[in-house]
C-alpha atoms as a PDB file:
ATOM      1  CA  MET A   1     219.916-111.382 -81.573  1.00  0.00           C
ATOM      2  CA  ASN A   2     218.311-111.817 -78.209  1.00  0.00           C
ATOM      3  CA  SER A   3     219.040-108.204 -77.289  1.00  0.00           C
ATOM      4  CA  ILE A   4     217.362-106.945 -80.499  1.00  0.00           C
ATOM      5  CA  VAL A   5     214.167-108.863 -79.650  1.00  0.00           C
ATOM      6  CA  LYS A   6     214.198-107.422 -76.115  1.00  0.00           C
ATOM      7  CA  TRP A   7     214.747-103.972 -77.578  1.00  0.00           C
ATOM      8  CA  LYS A   8     211.751-104.367 -79.979  1.00  0.00           C
ATOM      9  CA  ILE A   9     209.530-105.654 -77.153  1.00  0.00           C
ATOM     10  CA  THR A  10     210.474-102.662 -74.975  1.00  0.00           C
ATOM     11  CA  ILE A  11     209.693-100.202 -77.777  1.00  0.00           C
ATOM     12  CA  MET A  12     206.345-101.913 -78.449  1.00  0.00           C
ATOM     13  CA  MET A  13     205.420-101.799 -74.734  1.00  0.00           C
ATOM     14  CA  MET A  14     206.269 -98.084 -74.513  1.00  0.00           C
ATOM     15  CA  ALA A  15     204.250 -97.347 -77.659  1.00  0.00           C
ATOM     16  CA  LEU A  16     201.314 -99.348 -76.290  1.00  0.00           C
ATOM     17  CA  ALA A  17     201.501 -97.486 -72.955  1.00  0.00           C
ATOM     18  CA  LEU A  18     201.543 -94.109 -74.735  1.00  0.00           C
ATOM     19  CA  VAL A  19     198.544 -95.065 -76.903  1.00  0.00           C
ATOM     20  CA  CYS A  20     196.594 -96.259 -73.849  1.00  0.00           C
ATOM     21  CA  GLU A  21     197.350 -93.068 -71.896  1.00  0.00           C
ATOM     22  CA  THR A  22     196.316 -90.915 -74.862  1.00  0.00           C
ATOM     23  CA  ALA A  23     193.026 -92.780 -75.184  1.00  0.00           C
ATOM     24  CA  ASN A  24     192.444 -92.488 -71.439  1.00  0.00           C
ATOM     25  CA  ALA A  25     193.072 -88.730 -71.510  1.00  0.00           C
ATOM     26  CA  GLN A  26     190.703 -88.254 -74.453  1.00  0.00           C
ATOM     27  CA  ARG A  27     187.969 -90.220 -72.695  1.00  0.00           C
ATOM     28  CA  TRP A  28     188.110 -87.983 -69.627  1.00  0.00           C
ATOM     29  CA  ARG A  29     188.317 -84.793 -71.659  1.00  0.00           C
ATOM     30  CA  ARG A  30     185.196 -85.739 -73.642  1.00  0.00           C
ATOM     31  CA  ASN A  31     183.133 -86.093 -70.448  1.00  0.00           C
ATOM     32  CA  TYR A  32     184.394 -82.868 -68.962  1.00  0.00           C
ATOM     33  CA  TYR A  33     181.284 -80.788 -69.744  1.00  0.00           C
ATOM     34  CA  PRO A  34     178.603 -80.809 -67.029  1.00  0.00           C
ATOM     35  CA  ARG A  35     175.322 -82.490 -67.902  1.00  0.00           C
ATOM     36  CA  ASN A  36     173.107 -80.157 -65.873  1.00  0.00           C
ATOM     37  CA  VAL A  37     170.320 -78.605 -67.913  1.00  0.00           C
ATOM     38  CA  VAL A  38     169.349 -75.051 -67.085  1.00  0.00           C
ATOM     39  CA  THR A  39     165.957 -73.789 -68.241  1.00  0.00           C
ATOM     40  CA  VAL A  40     165.653 -70.051 -68.709  1.00  0.00           C
ATOM     41  CA  VAL A  41     162.123 -68.655 -68.574  1.00  0.00           C
ATOM     42  CA  THR A  42     161.695 -65.270 -70.168  1.00  0.00           C
ATOM     43  CA  GLN A  43     158.795 -62.959 -69.587  1.00  0.00           C
ATOM     44  CA  PRO A  44     157.925 -59.845 -71.525  1.00  0.00           C
ATOM     45  CA  ALA A  45     159.425 -56.708 -70.058  1.00  0.00           C
ATOM     46  CA  VAL A  46     156.291 -54.647 -70.622  1.00  0.00           C
ATOM     47  CA  THR A  47     152.699 -55.805 -70.417  1.00  0.00           C
ATOM     48  CA  VAL A  48     150.585 -53.997 -72.968  1.00  0.00           C
ATOM     49  CA  HIS A  49     146.979 -53.262 -72.083  1.00  0.00           C
ATOM     50  CA  VAL A  50     144.809 -52.382 -75.031  1.00  0.00           C
ATOM     51  CA  ASN A  51     142.138 -49.915 -74.096  1.00  0.00           C
ATOM     52  CA  ASN A  52     139.101 -50.190 -76.315  1.00  0.00           C
ATOM     53  CA  ARG A  53     137.328 -46.915 -76.758  1.00  0.00           C
ATOM     54  CA  PHE A  54     133.850 -48.495 -76.847  1.00  0.00           C
ATOM     55  CA  THR A  55     131.973 -49.938 -73.881  1.00  0.00           C
ATOM     56  CA  GLN A  56     130.027 -53.158 -74.133  1.00  0.00           C
ATOM     57  CA  LYS A  57     126.719 -51.264 -74.323  1.00  0.00           C
ATOM     58  CA  GLU A  58     128.042 -49.157 -77.183  1.00  0.00           C
ATOM     59  CA  ARG A  59     129.254 -52.263 -79.013  1.00  0.00           C
ATOM     60  CA  LEU A  60     125.827 -53.880 -78.574  1.00  0.00           C
ATOM     61  CA  ALA A  61     124.205 -50.734 -79.969  1.00  0.00           C
ATOM     62  CA  MET A  62     126.582 -50.866 -82.940  1.00  0.00           C
ATOM     63  CA  ALA A  63     125.670 -54.496 -83.615  1.00  0.00           C
ATOM     64  CA  VAL A  64     121.932 -53.791 -83.387  1.00  0.00           C
ATOM     65  CA  ALA A  65     122.288 -50.750 -85.664  1.00  0.00           C
ATOM     66  CA  TYR A  66     124.185 -52.875 -88.187  1.00  0.00           C
ATOM     67  CA  LEU A  67     121.466 -55.540 -88.041  1.00  0.00           C
ATOM     68  CA  GLU A  68     118.814 -52.880 -88.726  1.00  0.00           C
ATOM     69  CA  LYS A  69     120.361 -52.307 -92.162  1.00  0.00           C
ATOM     70  CA  HIS A  70     121.749 -55.780 -92.912  1.00  0.00           C
ATOM     71  CA  LYS A  71     120.331 -59.276 -92.582  1.00  0.00           C
ATOM     72  CA  TYR A  72     123.336 -60.976 -90.913  1.00  0.00           C
ATOM     73  CA  LEU A  73     126.385 -60.001 -88.873  1.00  0.00           C
ATOM     74  CA  THR A  74     129.547 -62.108 -88.996  1.00  0.00           C
ATOM     75  CA  VAL A  75     132.222 -62.333 -86.331  1.00  0.00           C
ATOM     76  CA  LYS A  76     134.830 -60.898 -88.669  1.00  0.00           C
ATOM     77  CA  LYS A  77     132.673 -57.870 -89.490  1.00  0.00           C
ATOM     78  CA  TYR A  78     131.873 -57.294 -85.799  1.00  0.00           C
ATOM     79  CA  ALA A  79     135.571 -57.528 -84.915  1.00  0.00           C
ATOM     80  CA  LYS A  80     136.397 -54.987 -87.605  1.00  0.00           C
ATOM     81  CA  MET A  81     133.652 -52.604 -86.452  1.00  0.00           C
ATOM     82  CA  THR A  82     134.579 -52.736 -82.770  1.00  0.00           C
ATOM     83  CA  ARG A  83     138.350 -53.173 -83.182  1.00  0.00           C
ATOM     84  CA  LEU A  84     138.369 -56.322 -81.059  1.00  0.00           C
ATOM     85  CA  THR A  85     140.234 -59.513 -81.839  1.00  0.00           C
ATOM     86  CA  ILE A  86     138.229 -62.190 -83.596  1.00  0.00           C
ATOM     87  CA  ALA A  87     138.261 -64.471 -80.544  1.00  0.00           C
ATOM     88  CA  THR A  88     137.069 -61.660 -78.249  1.00  0.00           C
ATOM     89  CA  ALA A  89     134.412 -60.560 -80.735  1.00  0.00           C
ATOM     90  CA  GLU A  90     133.073 -64.097 -81.037  1.00  0.00           C
ATOM     91  CA  ALA A  91     132.972 -64.520 -77.264  1.00  0.00           C
ATOM     92  CA  GLU A  92     131.132 -61.224 -76.839  1.00  0.00           C
ATOM     93  CA  LEU A  93     128.569 -62.039 -79.533  1.00  0.00           C
ATOM     94  CA  ASP A  94     127.996 -65.431 -77.903  1.00  0.00           C
ATOM     95  CA  ALA A  95     127.443 -63.624 -74.596  1.00  0.00           C
ATOM     96  CA  PHE A  96     124.864 -61.378 -76.280  1.00  0.00           C
ATOM     97  CA  VAL A  97     123.098 -64.463 -77.653  1.00  0.00           C
ATOM     98  CA  ALA A  98     123.091 -66.177 -74.246  1.00  0.00           C
ATOM     99  CA  ASP A  99     121.263 -63.211 -72.687  1.00  0.00           C
ATOM    100  CA  LYS A 100     117.617 -63.534 -73.759  1.00  0.00           C
ATOM    101  CA  LYS A 101     116.972 -59.832 -73.085  1.00  0.00           C
ATOM    102  CA  LYS A 102     119.315 -58.758 -75.866  1.00  0.00           C
ATOM    103  CA  PRO A 103     117.918 -58.679 -79.421  1.00  0.00           C
ATOM    104  CA  ILE A 104     120.607 -60.821 -81.105  1.00  0.00           C
ATOM    105  CA  MET A 105     120.312 -64.511 -81.959  1.00  0.00           C
ATOM    106  CA  LEU A 106     122.641 -67.077 -83.524  1.00  0.00           C
ATOM    107  CA  VAL A 107     122.061 -68.785 -86.876  1.00  0.00           C
ATOM    108  CA  MET A 108     124.442 -71.532 -88.004  1.00  0.00           C
ATOM    109  CA  ASP A 109     125.171 -71.716 -91.720  1.00  0.00           C
ATOM    110  CA  GLY A 110     127.212 -74.905 -91.989  1.00  0.00           C
ATOM    111  CA  ARG A 111     130.273 -74.166 -89.885  1.00  0.00           C
ATOM    112  CA  LYS A 112     129.883 -70.390 -90.108  1.00  0.00           C
ATOM    113  CA  LYS A 113     128.266 -68.451 -87.271  1.00  0.00           C
ATOM    114  CA  LEU A 114     125.883 -65.717 -88.358  1.00  0.00           C
ATOM    115  CA  TYR A 115     124.115 -63.377 -85.955  1.00  0.00           C
ATOM    116  CA  THR A 116     120.739 -61.832 -86.717  1.00  0.00           C
ATOM    117  CA  LYS A 117     118.092 -59.793 -84.972  1.00  0.00           C
ATOM    118  CA  ARG A 118     115.421 -61.677 -82.962  1.00  0.00           C
END
């Protein structure tokens, strides 16, 4: 009977050793991947330059001619006429307003910007 108990204890110790080694191997395998973070910055391959066919003087003349026939000029309408983006059109109209020699002035209608002739 004593030999059977020793035999069971030996089997249990071997099973426990195998379970511990398996857990140890899994722990190291889980941390195998490096933790370095690499950031990849991409830039466009081609820079596109949009060439507008109108000069600033021509665009000012277009705005003044439009204001001769209409009461107000909006940024969206000016952008459509000159084929500029809305942000660029608004900046250019604000530059025209800032120059006192140019015949365009700003009128605010709530939150909407309207441009009219001086």
